[in-house]
Protein backbone atom coordinates (compact mmCIF):
# COMPACT_ATOMS: atom_id res chain seq x y z
CA MET A 1 -129.75 -30.56 29.48
CA GLY A 2 -126.80 -28.11 29.35
CA CYS A 3 -126.66 -24.30 28.98
CA ARG A 4 -127.10 -22.83 25.49
CA ASN A 5 -124.38 -20.78 23.86
CA ASP A 6 -125.17 -17.35 22.48
CA GLY A 7 -124.77 -18.57 18.90
CA ASP A 8 -127.14 -21.52 19.24
CA PRO A 9 -130.43 -21.33 17.31
CA PRO A 10 -133.50 -20.78 19.50
CA VAL A 11 -135.40 -23.87 20.57
CA PRO A 12 -139.10 -23.61 19.62
CA GLU A 13 -141.52 -23.81 22.54
CA ASP A 14 -144.54 -26.07 22.49
CA PRO A 15 -147.43 -23.59 22.85
CA ARG A 16 -149.39 -26.10 24.90
CA SER A 17 -146.62 -26.40 27.51
CA THR A 18 -146.26 -22.59 27.62
CA ARG A 19 -149.93 -22.28 28.54
CA VAL A 20 -150.38 -25.28 30.79
CA PHE A 21 -147.06 -25.86 32.62
CA PRO A 22 -146.88 -22.69 34.76
CA ARG A 23 -150.56 -22.91 35.66
CA VAL A 24 -150.58 -26.59 36.69
CA PHE A 25 -147.04 -26.86 38.08
CA PRO A 26 -146.10 -23.36 39.30
CA ARG A 27 -143.21 -24.51 41.54
CA LEU A 28 -141.74 -26.71 38.78
CA ALA A 29 -142.11 -23.86 36.35
CA LYS A 30 -140.03 -21.68 38.64
CA LEU A 31 -137.36 -24.36 38.89
CA ARG A 32 -137.38 -24.73 35.10
CA ASP A 33 -136.67 -21.02 34.73
CA LEU A 34 -133.78 -21.29 37.20
CA SER A 35 -132.32 -24.22 35.26
CA HIS A 36 -131.57 -21.88 32.35
CA ASP A 37 -129.46 -19.65 34.60
CA CYS A 38 -125.92 -21.02 34.39
CA ALA A 39 -124.78 -18.77 37.24
CA VAL A 40 -126.85 -20.68 39.82
CA GLN A 41 -124.54 -22.93 41.93
CA PHE A 42 -124.84 -24.89 45.16
CA PRO A 43 -122.85 -23.43 48.09
CA ILE A 44 -120.84 -26.65 48.51
CA THR A 45 -117.93 -25.07 50.39
CA GLU A 46 -120.23 -23.28 52.82
CA ILE A 47 -122.26 -26.45 53.55
CA THR A 48 -119.07 -28.52 53.95
CA ASP A 49 -117.64 -26.07 56.49
CA ALA A 50 -120.92 -26.09 58.45
CA LEU A 51 -120.96 -29.91 58.54
CA LEU A 52 -117.34 -30.06 59.71
CA ALA A 53 -118.14 -27.60 62.48
CA SER A 54 -121.07 -29.82 63.50
CA TYR A 55 -118.80 -32.88 63.56
CA SER A 56 -116.38 -31.01 65.80
CA ARG A 57 -119.10 -29.87 68.23
CA HIS A 58 -121.27 -32.98 68.41
CA GLY A 59 -119.13 -35.94 67.35
CA GLY A 60 -120.96 -38.93 65.90
CA ILE A 61 -118.30 -39.71 63.31
CA ASN A 62 -117.20 -43.19 62.25
CA HIS A 63 -114.30 -44.43 60.09
CA LEU A 64 -111.87 -41.79 61.31
CA ASP A 65 -108.32 -42.33 62.56
CA GLY A 66 -108.51 -46.09 62.12
CA ILE A 67 -111.04 -46.82 64.90
CA ASN A 68 -114.23 -48.05 63.29
CA LEU A 69 -117.56 -48.99 64.80
CA PRO A 70 -119.11 -52.27 63.63
CA SER A 71 -120.91 -52.06 60.29
CA LYS A 72 -124.70 -52.22 60.60
CA ALA A 73 -124.98 -53.67 57.11
CA SER A 74 -122.43 -56.38 57.86
CA VAL A 75 -124.09 -57.29 61.18
CA ALA A 76 -127.44 -57.52 59.39
CA ASP A 77 -125.95 -59.87 56.78
CA ILE A 78 -124.41 -62.01 59.53
CA THR A 79 -127.76 -62.15 61.34
CA ARG A 80 -129.50 -63.32 58.15
CA ASP A 81 -126.93 -66.08 57.77
CA LEU A 82 -127.33 -67.09 61.42
CA LEU A 83 -131.05 -67.52 60.72
CA ARG A 84 -130.08 -69.80 57.84
CA LEU A 85 -128.06 -71.91 60.28
CA VAL A 86 -130.76 -72.24 62.93
CA PHE A 87 -133.54 -72.84 60.38
CA PRO A 88 -131.78 -74.55 57.44
CA GLY A 89 -133.69 -74.28 54.19
CA PHE A 90 -136.24 -71.76 55.49
CA PHE A 91 -134.18 -68.61 54.88
CA ASP A 92 -132.33 -69.84 51.77
CA ASP A 93 -132.98 -68.84 48.17
CA HIS A 94 -131.97 -72.23 46.80
CA ILE A 95 -132.88 -75.80 47.61
CA ILE A 96 -130.41 -77.69 49.80
CA HIS A 97 -130.20 -81.44 49.25
CA SER A 98 -129.63 -83.59 52.33
CA SER A 99 -126.42 -84.94 50.79
CA GLU A 100 -125.04 -81.39 50.60
CA LEU A 101 -126.19 -80.25 54.03
CA LYS A 102 -122.93 -80.94 55.88
CA ALA A 103 -120.77 -79.17 53.31
CA GLU A 104 -123.20 -76.22 53.00
CA THR A 105 -123.37 -75.87 56.78
CA ALA A 106 -119.59 -75.97 57.18
CA LEU A 107 -119.08 -73.35 54.47
CA LEU A 108 -121.71 -71.04 55.94
CA LEU A 109 -120.39 -71.50 59.47
CA ASP A 110 -116.86 -70.67 58.36
CA SER A 111 -118.06 -67.56 56.56
CA ILE A 112 -120.05 -66.38 59.58
CA ALA A 113 -117.13 -67.04 61.95
CA GLY A 114 -114.73 -64.85 59.97
CA ARG A 115 -117.13 -61.97 59.43
CA LEU A 116 -118.47 -62.06 62.99
CA GLU A 117 -114.94 -62.03 64.39
CA ASP A 118 -114.14 -58.93 62.31
CA GLU A 119 -117.21 -57.05 63.56
CA LEU A 120 -116.66 -58.20 67.15
CA TYR A 121 -113.04 -57.04 66.89
CA LYS A 122 -114.25 -53.57 65.92
CA ALA A 123 -116.75 -53.56 68.78
CA LEU A 124 -114.12 -54.51 71.35
CA ARG A 125 -111.78 -51.77 70.14
CA CYS A 126 -114.41 -49.15 70.87
CA ALA A 127 -114.49 -48.57 74.63
CA ASP A 128 -117.40 -46.32 75.56
CA ARG A 129 -116.23 -43.42 77.73
CA ALA A 130 -118.31 -41.04 79.76
CA ASP A 131 -117.49 -38.17 77.41
CA GLY A 132 -118.63 -40.14 74.36
CA THR A 133 -115.20 -40.62 72.77
CA PHE A 134 -113.58 -43.90 71.88
CA ALA A 135 -110.23 -45.28 72.90
CA THR A 136 -108.20 -48.18 71.55
CA LYS A 137 -107.42 -51.12 73.83
CA SER A 138 -104.69 -53.69 73.63
CA ASP A 139 -105.18 -55.93 70.63
CA PRO A 140 -108.58 -57.58 71.18
CA ARG A 141 -108.32 -60.04 68.26
CA PRO A 142 -107.69 -63.12 70.48
CA MET A 143 -110.66 -62.20 72.66
CA ALA A 144 -112.85 -61.70 69.58
CA HIS A 145 -111.84 -65.13 68.28
CA HIS A 146 -112.59 -66.75 71.64
CA LEU A 147 -116.01 -65.09 71.97
CA VAL A 148 -117.04 -66.09 68.45
CA SER A 149 -115.99 -69.68 69.12
CA GLU A 150 -118.02 -69.78 72.35
CA PHE A 151 -121.05 -68.22 70.67
CA LEU A 152 -121.07 -70.59 67.69
CA ARG A 153 -120.78 -73.59 70.00
CA GLU A 154 -124.06 -72.50 71.59
CA LEU A 155 -126.04 -72.61 68.32
CA PRO A 156 -127.31 -76.20 68.81
CA ALA A 157 -128.73 -75.25 72.24
CA ILE A 158 -130.34 -72.14 70.75
CA ARG A 159 -131.93 -74.32 68.07
CA GLU A 160 -133.35 -76.60 70.76
CA ILE A 161 -135.12 -73.79 72.59
CA LEU A 162 -136.36 -72.27 69.31
CA THR A 163 -138.02 -75.60 68.58
CA THR A 164 -140.09 -75.11 71.74
CA ASP A 165 -141.07 -71.60 70.61
CA VAL A 166 -142.31 -72.93 67.27
CA GLU A 167 -144.24 -75.64 69.10
CA ALA A 168 -145.83 -73.04 71.40
CA ALA A 169 -146.88 -70.99 68.37
CA PHE A 170 -148.42 -73.99 66.65
CA SER A 171 -150.21 -75.17 69.80
CA GLY A 172 -151.46 -71.72 70.66
CA ASP A 173 -152.68 -70.49 67.28
CA PRO A 174 -155.60 -72.31 65.62
CA ALA A 175 -154.93 -70.28 62.46
CA ALA A 176 -151.57 -72.01 61.97
CA ALA A 177 -151.74 -74.63 59.26
CA ASN A 178 -148.49 -76.37 60.28
CA ARG A 179 -145.12 -75.75 61.90
CA GLU A 180 -143.43 -75.04 58.57
CA GLU A 181 -145.82 -72.16 57.92
CA ILE A 182 -144.96 -70.70 61.32
CA ILE A 183 -141.22 -70.74 60.63
CA VAL A 184 -141.39 -69.38 57.11
CA ALA A 185 -144.17 -66.80 57.59
CA TYR A 186 -144.60 -65.68 61.22
CA PRO A 187 -142.60 -62.54 62.10
CA PHE A 188 -142.57 -63.70 65.72
CA VAL A 189 -140.26 -66.61 64.84
CA GLU A 190 -137.72 -64.27 63.29
CA ALA A 191 -138.02 -61.86 66.23
CA VAL A 192 -137.49 -64.51 68.91
CA ALA A 193 -134.74 -66.28 66.95
CA VAL A 194 -132.75 -63.07 66.56
CA HIS A 195 -133.36 -62.30 70.22
CA ARG A 196 -132.01 -65.64 71.40
CA LEU A 197 -128.92 -65.19 69.21
CA ALA A 198 -128.37 -61.61 70.37
CA HIS A 199 -128.97 -62.59 74.01
CA ALA A 200 -126.16 -65.14 73.81
CA LEU A 201 -123.77 -62.35 72.80
CA TYR A 202 -125.23 -59.97 75.39
CA LEU A 203 -124.50 -62.47 78.18
CA ARG A 204 -120.85 -62.43 77.05
CA HIS A 205 -120.78 -58.62 77.40
CA VAL A 206 -120.24 -58.09 73.68
CA PRO A 207 -120.76 -54.37 72.93
CA PHE A 208 -122.80 -52.97 70.02
CA LEU A 209 -123.57 -56.19 68.14
CA PRO A 210 -126.50 -57.51 70.23
CA ARG A 211 -128.32 -54.18 70.03
CA ILE A 212 -127.67 -53.82 66.29
CA MET A 213 -129.12 -57.30 65.76
CA ALA A 214 -132.14 -56.55 67.96
CA GLU A 215 -132.96 -53.27 66.21
CA TRP A 216 -132.54 -54.87 62.78
CA SER A 217 -135.13 -57.45 63.84
CA HIS A 218 -137.33 -54.72 65.35
CA SER A 219 -137.41 -52.86 62.04
CA ARG A 220 -138.42 -56.04 60.19
CA THR A 221 -140.92 -57.61 62.58
CA GLY A 222 -142.39 -54.72 64.57
CA MET A 223 -141.47 -56.41 67.86
CA ASP A 224 -138.95 -54.68 70.14
CA ILE A 225 -137.05 -57.09 72.41
CA HIS A 226 -133.97 -55.79 74.17
CA PRO A 227 -131.18 -58.39 73.94
CA GLY A 228 -130.84 -58.35 77.72
CA ALA A 229 -134.34 -59.72 78.36
CA ARG A 230 -134.38 -63.25 79.82
CA ILE A 231 -137.01 -65.45 78.16
CA GLY A 232 -137.83 -69.06 79.02
CA ASP A 233 -138.87 -71.89 76.72
CA HIS A 234 -142.18 -72.35 74.85
CA PHE A 235 -142.54 -68.59 74.36
CA PHE A 236 -145.08 -67.17 71.89
CA VAL A 237 -146.26 -63.68 70.92
CA ASP A 238 -149.36 -63.92 68.73
CA HIS A 239 -149.47 -61.29 65.96
CA CYS A 240 -146.17 -59.91 67.30
CA THR A 241 -146.65 -56.30 66.16
CA GLY A 242 -146.02 -53.59 68.72
CA ALA A 243 -144.88 -55.81 71.59
CA VAL A 244 -142.08 -54.30 73.71
CA ILE A 245 -139.89 -56.24 76.18
CA GLY A 246 -137.34 -54.22 78.15
CA GLU A 247 -133.76 -55.05 79.03
CA THR A 248 -134.26 -56.37 82.56
CA ALA A 249 -137.55 -58.17 81.96
CA VAL A 250 -137.63 -61.82 83.07
CA ILE A 251 -140.12 -64.16 81.39
CA GLY A 252 -140.70 -67.72 82.57
CA ASN A 253 -141.62 -70.83 80.62
CA ARG A 254 -144.78 -71.27 78.52
CA VAL A 255 -145.68 -67.58 78.51
CA LYS A 256 -147.99 -66.25 75.80
CA LEU A 257 -148.33 -62.59 74.83
CA TYR A 258 -150.46 -60.82 72.25
CA GLN A 259 -149.82 -57.78 70.07
CA GLY A 260 -149.04 -54.46 71.70
CA VAL A 261 -148.06 -55.88 75.10
CA GLY A 262 -145.48 -53.75 76.89
CA LEU A 263 -143.17 -55.01 79.64
CA VAL A 264 -141.67 -51.65 80.46
CA ALA A 265 -139.98 -49.53 83.11
CA ARG A 266 -141.45 -46.85 85.33
CA SER A 267 -140.13 -43.31 85.02
CA LEU A 268 -136.71 -43.10 83.39
CA ALA A 269 -136.10 -39.56 84.60
CA ALA A 270 -132.98 -40.71 86.46
CA GLY A 271 -131.46 -41.79 83.13
CA GLN A 272 -128.03 -43.43 83.33
CA ALA A 273 -128.28 -43.64 87.14
CA LEU A 274 -130.69 -46.55 86.57
CA ARG A 275 -128.23 -48.57 84.49
CA GLY A 276 -127.83 -52.08 85.85
CA GLN A 277 -130.94 -51.91 88.05
CA LYS A 278 -134.00 -54.13 87.62
CA ARG A 279 -136.40 -51.82 85.78
CA HIS A 280 -138.80 -54.19 84.00
CA PRO A 281 -141.34 -56.70 85.32
CA THR A 282 -140.99 -60.41 85.99
CA ILE A 283 -143.51 -62.74 84.35
CA GLU A 284 -143.64 -66.19 85.93
CA ASP A 285 -144.48 -69.49 84.17
CA ARG A 286 -147.73 -70.13 82.27
CA VAL A 287 -148.89 -66.50 82.17
CA THR A 288 -151.06 -65.16 79.32
CA ILE A 289 -151.13 -61.41 78.62
CA TYR A 290 -153.69 -60.12 76.13
CA ALA A 291 -153.47 -57.32 73.58
CA ASN A 292 -152.20 -53.86 74.52
CA ALA A 293 -151.73 -54.64 78.21
CA THR A 294 -148.88 -52.72 79.83
CA ILE A 295 -147.02 -54.06 82.86
CA VAL A 296 -144.69 -51.61 84.54
CA GLY A 297 -141.76 -51.69 86.94
CA GLY A 298 -138.85 -53.81 88.06
CA ASP A 299 -140.53 -54.86 91.31
CA THR A 300 -143.74 -55.99 89.59
CA VAL A 301 -144.17 -59.78 89.52
CA ILE A 302 -146.99 -61.54 87.68
CA GLY A 303 -147.58 -64.81 89.52
CA ALA A 304 -147.51 -68.14 87.72
CA GLY A 305 -150.65 -69.20 85.87
CA SER A 306 -152.16 -65.70 85.82
CA THR A 307 -154.11 -64.10 82.99
CA ILE A 308 -153.88 -60.37 82.25
CA GLY A 309 -156.75 -59.03 80.17
CA ALA A 310 -156.51 -56.68 77.20
CA ASN A 311 -155.73 -52.99 77.78
CA VAL A 312 -154.82 -53.48 81.45
CA PHE A 313 -152.27 -51.02 82.86
CA LEU A 314 -150.64 -52.76 85.80
CA MET A 315 -148.07 -51.31 88.22
CA GLN A 316 -148.42 -53.84 91.06
CA SER A 317 -147.62 -57.49 91.59
CA VAL A 318 -150.37 -60.10 91.47
CA PRO A 319 -150.32 -63.54 93.12
CA PRO A 320 -150.28 -66.81 91.15
CA GLU A 321 -153.47 -67.87 89.38
CA SER A 322 -154.85 -64.32 89.22
CA LEU A 323 -157.26 -62.90 86.66
CA VAL A 324 -156.68 -59.18 86.03
CA LEU A 325 -159.28 -57.23 84.03
CA MET A 326 -160.43 -53.69 83.45
CA ASP A 327 -163.95 -53.48 84.93
CA ASP A 328 -165.79 -50.22 84.28
CA HIS A 329 -162.47 -48.36 83.89
CA ARG A 330 -161.17 -49.81 87.15
CA LEU A 331 -158.56 -52.50 87.65
CA LYS A 332 -160.02 -55.73 89.03
CA VAL A 333 -157.79 -58.53 90.36
CA THR A 334 -159.45 -61.79 91.37
CA ALA A 335 -158.29 -65.31 92.07
CA LYS A 336 -159.17 -67.67 89.25
CA LYS A 337 -160.57 -70.21 91.72
CA ASP A 338 -163.09 -67.60 92.98
CA ARG A 339 -164.56 -66.79 89.58
CA THR A 340 -168.33 -67.17 89.27
CA ILE A 341 -168.27 -67.28 85.47
CA ALA A 342 -167.10 -70.04 83.20
CA PRO A 343 -163.44 -69.79 82.17
CA VAL A 344 -162.86 -67.92 78.92
CA ASP A 345 -160.01 -68.53 76.51
CA TRP A 346 -159.87 -65.56 74.17
CA GLN A 347 -158.52 -66.20 70.71
CA ILE A 348 -157.70 -63.15 68.65
C-alpha cells in the first residue's frame, strides 16, 4: 500500500478495526501508524558502512578477489548423490530398473566426479594461515583430479563395510523389521555412511570438505562424528540421537553404542596446542556402551568385550571383559567373570 497524495479522497475507516486493533495489537497499531509516514526510511548507507567496517576488522568473507571457499550447498548435494551411489534406489525419488542401473550409475558417477573436483579445487586453493587469511597456491587442479579419482575408486570398499553396519543394526535391534527398513529409515545409517565417505577424504588430507559433510549429516541425524574418527566394521548406534565421537577416537569391530554416548576429550583449555594429539578414547572390539555414558581422554582404553552401563562418566581405562556401572552414585568396575548375578542384556 503506497502513500496517499494530498488530493486523494479519504479512505473510510472500519469502526470495528478502529476500536479493536489498537487494543488487541498495540505494537502492530504503532507500526501501522508509522506506515503512513512517507518520511520514514531505513538507514541503509549507515548499516552498509558498519558491516564493511566489521568485515575489515573480523574477516569471514567469501567470494572476494577470486579465492572462494567450497560451497556448503554444493557439498551437501554431492553428499546426497554419494548416498545414492552407496545405497542405490534407497535415496532416489524414482524407480531404477535393473536394466538401467549401469547407465544410471555411470551418469551419476560422472556428475559427482566433476562437481566434487570443483569443490576440492576450491578447498585446495585455500591454505589456512595462522592469521586466518587465505593464500593461493600453484594450480591445484591436477591434484584435485587425482584425489577425486582415488576417492571414487574406494566407494566399493566403503559399500562393503557399510553392509556390515546394516547387518549389525539388524542383528542388534529387535525392533527392526528388515534390513531395508534400516537403510531407508534409520538415521544411524545415514550418519555412518556419510562418516565413512568423509573419513576417506580426511585420510587424504582434503581440507574443508570432510567437515562440511560431517556437519551436514550432524544437522540431519543428530549424531556428531568427526571425520577423523577411526571406526571398525559391524558398528551400530541404536537411536543415534545425541551421540558424539571425537576426532581422535578409535573404535574397534562389533562395537555398539546407544543414544547420548560421548567419546570426548578432557579439558581443551590448551586449544590449538592440542592439535594432532590423541585426545579421545579408544574402544576395543565387542564393547557395548549404554545411553548417556561419557568416556573421556586420549589415554583411556576400554578393553575388548566390556560393557559400560548407562550414565557412567569414565576417565580411566578398564581391562577387557569389564562391567562398569554406577552403584549408589559411585563408579563400580568389576570383571564379568566375577559377577554374582545373571548376565543382563539391556534393550532400549
